[in-house]
């Protein structure tokens, strides 16, 4: 499973996780990435801070950020690159997904070909 954070995204997530830490010794604190049904295009990205990953989550260490990937969403997220954009017209996380055949203009939702929701890999 490959998920890539750009340097800017890792920096933003690391800063956010540090500022939201309730216990400095919490080694499981990280970001959980998943896909849910919805959005303008069919699927929608979700990122949540978690200290309690689900038992079947895939665990990826990207620099100093721990990423938990929802196992059912993993085929739809394989190869994704997450960046952080900070500009006048647009700010926030940007997802570049090689499995997406179409994205909404907001960039937060996407469609795929030959995929049904939850765990069917795109070809």
N, C-alpha and C. Protein backbone atom coordinates (compact mmCIF):
# COMPACT_ATOMS: atom_id res chain seq x y z
N UNK A 1 0.85 -1.18 0.00
CA UNK A 1 0.00 0.00 0.00
C UNK A 1 0.89 1.23 0.00
N UNK A 2 0.64 2.12 -0.95
CA UNK A 2 1.42 3.34 -1.05
C UNK A 2 0.54 4.57 -0.87
N UNK A 3 0.86 5.35 0.13
CA UNK A 3 0.26 6.68 0.36
C UNK A 3 1.43 7.62 0.54
N UNK A 4 1.45 8.71 -0.21
CA UNK A 4 2.56 9.65 -0.12
C UNK A 4 2.08 11.01 0.35
N UNK A 5 2.75 11.53 1.37
CA UNK A 5 2.51 12.91 1.81
C UNK A 5 3.64 13.76 1.25
N UNK A 6 3.29 14.90 0.68
CA UNK A 6 4.34 15.83 0.28
C UNK A 6 4.94 16.42 1.55
N UNK A 7 6.05 17.10 1.41
CA UNK A 7 6.71 17.72 2.55
C UNK A 7 5.78 18.70 3.26
N UNK A 8 5.05 19.50 2.49
CA UNK A 8 4.11 20.47 3.08
C UNK A 8 2.98 19.78 3.84
N UNK A 9 2.44 18.72 3.26
CA UNK A 9 1.35 17.99 3.91
C UNK A 9 1.83 17.35 5.20
N UNK A 10 3.01 16.75 5.15
CA UNK A 10 3.55 16.12 6.36
C UNK A 10 3.77 17.16 7.45
N UNK A 11 4.33 18.32 7.08
CA UNK A 11 4.57 19.38 8.04
C UNK A 11 3.26 19.84 8.69
N UNK A 12 2.22 20.06 7.87
CA UNK A 12 0.92 20.52 8.39
C UNK A 12 0.29 19.48 9.30
N UNK A 13 0.33 18.23 8.89
CA UNK A 13 -0.25 17.17 9.71
C UNK A 13 0.51 16.98 11.00
N UNK A 14 1.84 17.03 10.91
CA UNK A 14 2.66 16.88 12.12
C UNK A 14 2.37 18.00 13.10
N UNK A 15 2.28 19.24 12.61
CA UNK A 15 1.98 20.39 13.47
C UNK A 15 0.59 20.25 14.09
N UNK A 16 -0.37 19.80 13.29
CA UNK A 16 -1.73 19.62 13.79
C UNK A 16 -1.79 18.54 14.86
N UNK A 17 -1.13 17.42 14.60
CA UNK A 17 -1.12 16.32 15.58
C UNK A 17 -0.44 16.74 16.87
N UNK A 18 0.63 17.51 16.77
CA UNK A 18 1.34 17.98 17.96
C UNK A 18 0.46 18.92 18.77
N UNK A 19 -0.24 19.82 18.10
CA UNK A 19 -1.08 20.79 18.81
C UNK A 19 -2.33 20.16 19.40
N UNK A 20 -2.78 19.04 18.82
CA UNK A 20 -3.99 18.39 19.33
C UNK A 20 -3.68 17.25 20.29
N UNK A 21 -2.42 17.03 20.59
CA UNK A 21 -2.03 15.92 21.47
C UNK A 21 -2.48 16.19 22.89
N UNK A 22 -3.21 15.22 23.44
CA UNK A 22 -3.62 15.33 24.84
C UNK A 22 -2.61 14.64 25.75
N UNK A 23 -1.87 13.72 25.17
CA UNK A 23 -0.87 12.98 25.93
C UNK A 23 0.39 12.88 25.07
N UNK A 24 1.46 13.52 25.47
CA UNK A 24 2.70 13.55 24.68
C UNK A 24 3.24 12.15 24.43
N UNK A 25 2.88 11.19 25.26
CA UNK A 25 3.38 9.83 25.10
C UNK A 25 2.47 8.96 24.24
N UNK A 26 1.47 9.53 23.62
CA UNK A 26 0.53 8.77 22.81
C UNK A 26 1.15 8.39 21.47
N UNK A 27 1.71 7.19 21.41
CA UNK A 27 2.43 6.74 20.21
C UNK A 27 1.51 6.36 19.06
N UNK A 28 0.21 6.14 19.35
CA UNK A 28 -0.70 5.72 18.28
C UNK A 28 -1.41 6.89 17.61
N UNK A 29 -1.18 8.11 18.06
CA UNK A 29 -1.85 9.28 17.48
C UNK A 29 -1.43 9.43 16.03
N UNK A 30 -2.43 9.53 15.15
CA UNK A 30 -2.14 9.67 13.74
C UNK A 30 -3.35 10.13 12.96
N UNK A 31 -3.24 10.03 11.65
CA UNK A 31 -4.31 10.43 10.75
C UNK A 31 -4.89 9.17 10.12
N UNK A 32 -6.21 9.06 10.14
CA UNK A 32 -6.89 7.94 9.50
C UNK A 32 -7.50 8.43 8.20
N UNK A 33 -7.15 7.78 7.10
CA UNK A 33 -7.63 8.16 5.78
C UNK A 33 -8.59 7.08 5.29
N UNK A 34 -9.71 7.53 4.75
CA UNK A 34 -10.70 6.58 4.22
C UNK A 34 -11.46 7.22 3.07
N UNK A 35 -12.30 6.42 2.46
CA UNK A 35 -13.18 6.88 1.40
C UNK A 35 -14.59 6.53 1.82
N UNK A 36 -15.50 7.48 1.62
CA UNK A 36 -16.89 7.18 1.93
C UNK A 36 -17.76 7.50 0.72
N UNK A 37 -18.89 6.88 0.67
CA UNK A 37 -19.83 7.10 -0.40
C UNK A 37 -20.40 8.51 -0.25
N UNK A 38 -20.32 9.32 -1.31
CA UNK A 38 -20.88 10.66 -1.24
C UNK A 38 -20.07 11.66 -2.04
N UNK A 39 -20.34 12.91 -1.81
CA UNK A 39 -19.65 13.96 -2.55
C UNK A 39 -20.27 14.16 -3.92
N UNK A 40 -19.80 15.13 -4.63
CA UNK A 40 -20.34 15.48 -5.95
C UNK A 40 -20.10 14.38 -6.98
N UNK A 41 -19.02 13.64 -6.84
CA UNK A 41 -18.62 12.69 -7.88
C UNK A 41 -18.85 11.23 -7.51
N UNK A 42 -19.28 10.93 -6.32
CA UNK A 42 -19.53 9.53 -5.95
C UNK A 42 -18.81 9.07 -4.71
N UNK A 43 -17.51 9.31 -4.66
CA UNK A 43 -16.71 8.96 -3.47
C UNK A 43 -16.16 10.25 -2.88
N UNK A 44 -15.96 10.23 -1.57
CA UNK A 44 -15.45 11.41 -0.88
C UNK A 44 -14.31 11.00 0.05
N UNK A 45 -13.24 11.79 0.07
CA UNK A 45 -12.11 11.52 0.96
C UNK A 45 -12.47 11.93 2.39
N UNK A 46 -11.95 11.18 3.35
CA UNK A 46 -12.12 11.53 4.76
C UNK A 46 -10.77 11.40 5.45
N UNK A 47 -10.43 12.39 6.26
CA UNK A 47 -9.21 12.35 7.09
C UNK A 47 -9.63 12.72 8.51
N UNK A 48 -9.27 11.85 9.44
CA UNK A 48 -9.62 12.07 10.84
C UNK A 48 -8.41 11.83 11.71
N UNK A 49 -8.30 12.59 12.79
CA UNK A 49 -7.27 12.35 13.79
C UNK A 49 -7.76 11.20 14.66
N UNK A 50 -6.87 10.26 14.94
CA UNK A 50 -7.27 9.13 15.77
C UNK A 50 -6.12 8.70 16.67
N UNK A 51 -6.49 8.20 17.83
CA UNK A 51 -5.53 7.56 18.73
C UNK A 51 -5.85 6.08 18.84
N UNK A 52 -6.97 5.70 18.23
CA UNK A 52 -7.41 4.32 18.33
C UNK A 52 -7.72 3.79 16.93
N UNK A 53 -6.68 3.36 16.21
CA UNK A 53 -6.93 2.81 14.88
C UNK A 53 -7.77 1.54 14.97
N UNK A 54 -8.50 1.26 13.91
CA UNK A 54 -9.28 0.03 13.85
C UNK A 54 -8.33 -1.14 13.65
N UNK A 55 -8.69 -2.32 14.12
CA UNK A 55 -7.80 -3.48 14.03
C UNK A 55 -7.34 -3.83 12.62
N UNK A 56 -8.18 -3.58 11.61
CA UNK A 56 -7.80 -3.95 10.25
C UNK A 56 -7.19 -2.79 9.45
N UNK A 57 -6.96 -1.64 10.08
CA UNK A 57 -6.33 -0.51 9.40
C UNK A 57 -4.92 -0.88 8.95
N UNK A 58 -4.53 -0.40 7.79
CA UNK A 58 -3.15 -0.54 7.33
C UNK A 58 -2.37 0.62 7.92
N UNK A 59 -1.17 0.36 8.41
CA UNK A 59 -0.37 1.39 9.07
C UNK A 59 0.81 1.76 8.19
N UNK A 60 0.95 3.06 7.93
CA UNK A 60 2.05 3.58 7.11
C UNK A 60 2.71 4.71 7.88
N UNK A 61 4.02 4.68 7.96
CA UNK A 61 4.77 5.76 8.60
C UNK A 61 5.34 6.65 7.50
N UNK A 62 4.98 7.91 7.51
CA UNK A 62 5.48 8.87 6.53
C UNK A 62 6.21 9.96 7.30
N UNK A 63 7.52 9.88 7.33
CA UNK A 63 8.29 10.81 8.16
C UNK A 63 7.91 10.61 9.61
N UNK A 64 7.41 11.67 10.25
CA UNK A 64 6.99 11.57 11.65
C UNK A 64 5.48 11.48 11.82
N UNK A 65 4.77 11.21 10.71
CA UNK A 65 3.31 11.09 10.75
C UNK A 65 2.91 9.64 10.53
N UNK A 66 2.07 9.14 11.42
CA UNK A 66 1.52 7.80 11.25
C UNK A 66 0.19 7.93 10.52
N UNK A 67 0.05 7.15 9.46
CA UNK A 67 -1.17 7.17 8.65
C UNK A 67 -1.84 5.81 8.80
N UNK A 68 -3.11 5.85 9.15
CA UNK A 68 -3.92 4.63 9.22
C UNK A 68 -4.87 4.67 8.02
N UNK A 69 -4.83 3.64 7.20
CA UNK A 69 -5.68 3.57 6.02
C UNK A 69 -6.76 2.53 6.26
N UNK A 70 -8.00 2.95 6.11
CA UNK A 70 -9.13 2.04 6.22
C UNK A 70 -8.94 0.90 5.21
N UNK A 71 -8.96 -0.33 5.70
CA UNK A 71 -8.67 -1.50 4.84
C UNK A 71 -9.65 -1.63 3.68
N UNK A 72 -10.92 -1.31 3.91
CA UNK A 72 -11.90 -1.42 2.83
C UNK A 72 -11.70 -0.33 1.78
N UNK A 73 -11.15 0.81 2.17
CA UNK A 73 -10.92 1.93 1.24
C UNK A 73 -9.57 1.81 0.53
N UNK A 74 -8.71 0.95 1.01
CA UNK A 74 -7.33 0.87 0.51
C UNK A 74 -7.23 0.73 -1.01
N UNK A 75 -8.02 -0.13 -1.67
CA UNK A 75 -7.88 -0.24 -3.12
C UNK A 75 -8.17 1.07 -3.86
N UNK A 76 -9.05 1.90 -3.30
CA UNK A 76 -9.38 3.18 -3.92
C UNK A 76 -8.35 4.26 -3.60
N UNK A 77 -7.49 4.00 -2.61
CA UNK A 77 -6.48 4.97 -2.19
C UNK A 77 -5.06 4.58 -2.58
N UNK A 78 -4.89 3.42 -3.18
CA UNK A 78 -3.56 2.94 -3.56
C UNK A 78 -2.87 3.95 -4.48
N UNK A 79 -1.69 4.41 -4.06
CA UNK A 79 -0.89 5.33 -4.86
C UNK A 79 -1.24 6.80 -4.70
N UNK A 80 -2.12 7.13 -3.79
CA UNK A 80 -2.55 8.52 -3.62
C UNK A 80 -1.42 9.40 -3.10
N UNK A 81 -1.40 10.64 -3.56
CA UNK A 81 -0.45 11.65 -3.08
C UNK A 81 -1.28 12.75 -2.43
N UNK A 82 -0.93 13.09 -1.19
CA UNK A 82 -1.64 14.14 -0.47
C UNK A 82 -0.70 15.32 -0.30
N UNK A 83 -1.15 16.47 -0.76
CA UNK A 83 -0.38 17.71 -0.70
C UNK A 83 -1.15 18.72 0.14
N UNK A 84 -0.48 19.79 0.52
CA UNK A 84 -1.15 20.89 1.20
C UNK A 84 -0.90 22.15 0.39
N UNK A 85 -1.98 22.84 0.04
CA UNK A 85 -1.90 24.07 -0.74
C UNK A 85 -2.31 25.22 0.16
N UNK A 86 -1.54 26.28 0.12
CA UNK A 86 -1.86 27.46 0.92
C UNK A 86 -1.76 28.68 0.00
N UNK A 87 -2.89 29.08 -0.55
CA UNK A 87 -2.89 30.18 -1.50
C UNK A 87 -4.04 31.12 -1.28
N UNK A 88 -4.11 32.15 -2.07
CA UNK A 88 -5.16 33.15 -1.96
C UNK A 88 -6.52 32.57 -2.36
N UNK A 89 -6.54 31.80 -3.44
CA UNK A 89 -7.80 31.26 -3.96
C UNK A 89 -8.18 29.90 -3.37
N UNK A 90 -7.19 29.17 -2.89
CA UNK A 90 -7.45 27.82 -2.41
C UNK A 90 -6.46 27.45 -1.32
N UNK A 91 -6.96 26.87 -0.23
CA UNK A 91 -6.11 26.38 0.84
C UNK A 91 -6.66 25.06 1.34
N UNK A 92 -5.77 24.15 1.70
CA UNK A 92 -6.20 22.88 2.26
C UNK A 92 -5.46 21.72 1.63
N UNK A 93 -5.88 20.53 2.00
CA UNK A 93 -5.26 19.32 1.49
C UNK A 93 -5.77 19.02 0.09
N UNK A 94 -4.85 18.61 -0.78
CA UNK A 94 -5.19 18.27 -2.15
C UNK A 94 -4.82 16.81 -2.37
N UNK A 95 -5.74 16.06 -2.94
CA UNK A 95 -5.55 14.63 -3.17
C UNK A 95 -5.34 14.38 -4.66
N UNK A 96 -4.25 13.70 -4.99
CA UNK A 96 -4.00 13.28 -6.36
C UNK A 96 -4.06 11.76 -6.36
N UNK A 97 -5.13 11.24 -6.94
CA UNK A 97 -5.42 9.82 -6.85
C UNK A 97 -5.33 9.18 -8.24
N UNK A 98 -4.39 8.25 -8.45
CA UNK A 98 -4.27 7.61 -9.76
C UNK A 98 -5.46 6.73 -10.11
N UNK A 99 -6.30 6.39 -9.13
CA UNK A 99 -7.49 5.57 -9.38
C UNK A 99 -8.69 6.40 -9.83
N UNK A 100 -8.60 7.71 -9.68
CA UNK A 100 -9.72 8.58 -10.02
C UNK A 100 -9.77 8.83 -11.53
N UNK A 101 -10.94 8.66 -12.09
CA UNK A 101 -11.13 8.96 -13.51
C UNK A 101 -11.78 10.33 -13.69
N UNK A 102 -12.37 10.84 -12.61
CA UNK A 102 -13.02 12.13 -12.62
C UNK A 102 -12.97 12.70 -11.22
N UNK A 103 -12.79 14.01 -11.11
CA UNK A 103 -12.85 14.65 -9.79
C UNK A 103 -13.79 15.83 -9.84
N UNK A 104 -14.32 16.16 -8.71
CA UNK A 104 -15.18 17.33 -8.58
C UNK A 104 -14.29 18.58 -8.60
N UNK A 105 -14.83 19.70 -8.95
CA UNK A 105 -14.02 20.92 -9.01
C UNK A 105 -13.44 21.29 -7.65
N UNK A 106 -14.06 20.86 -6.56
CA UNK A 106 -13.53 21.13 -5.23
C UNK A 106 -12.34 20.24 -4.90
N UNK A 107 -12.20 19.12 -5.63
CA UNK A 107 -11.08 18.21 -5.42
C UNK A 107 -11.24 17.29 -4.23
N UNK A 108 -12.39 17.29 -3.60
CA UNK A 108 -12.61 16.47 -2.41
C UNK A 108 -13.39 15.19 -2.71
N UNK A 109 -13.88 15.05 -3.93
CA UNK A 109 -14.60 13.83 -4.28
C UNK A 109 -14.16 13.36 -5.67
N UNK A 110 -14.42 12.08 -5.96
CA UNK A 110 -13.93 11.50 -7.20
C UNK A 110 -14.79 10.33 -7.65
N UNK A 111 -14.61 9.95 -8.92
CA UNK A 111 -15.23 8.76 -9.50
C UNK A 111 -14.14 7.84 -9.98
N UNK A 112 -14.47 6.57 -10.11
CA UNK A 112 -13.55 5.58 -10.68
C UNK A 112 -14.30 4.76 -11.71
N UNK A 113 -13.56 4.08 -12.58
CA UNK A 113 -14.16 3.17 -13.55
C UNK A 113 -14.06 1.76 -13.00
N UNK A 114 -15.09 0.98 -13.21
CA UNK A 114 -15.10 -0.43 -12.80
C UNK A 114 -14.86 -0.62 -11.31
N UNK A 115 -15.37 0.27 -10.50
CA UNK A 115 -15.24 0.11 -9.05
C UNK A 115 -16.60 0.28 -8.42
N UNK A 116 -16.92 -0.60 -7.53
CA UNK A 116 -18.08 -0.40 -6.68
C UNK A 116 -17.53 -0.08 -5.31
N UNK A 117 -18.29 0.60 -4.53
CA UNK A 117 -17.80 1.08 -3.24
C UNK A 117 -17.36 -0.06 -2.34
N UNK A 118 -16.31 0.17 -1.62
CA UNK A 118 -15.75 -0.70 -0.59
C UNK A 118 -14.98 -1.89 -1.11
N UNK A 119 -13.72 -1.66 -1.33
CA UNK A 119 -12.80 -2.75 -1.50
C UNK A 119 -12.72 -3.42 -2.85
N UNK A 120 -13.20 -2.77 -3.91
CA UNK A 120 -13.02 -3.35 -5.24
C UNK A 120 -11.94 -2.56 -5.95
N UNK A 121 -10.80 -3.18 -6.23
CA UNK A 121 -9.69 -2.42 -6.83
C UNK A 121 -10.03 -1.95 -8.24
N UNK A 122 -9.52 -0.78 -8.59
CA UNK A 122 -9.68 -0.24 -9.94
C UNK A 122 -8.68 -0.91 -10.86
N UNK A 123 -9.05 -1.11 -12.08
CA UNK A 123 -8.15 -1.73 -13.05
C UNK A 123 -7.82 -0.74 -14.14
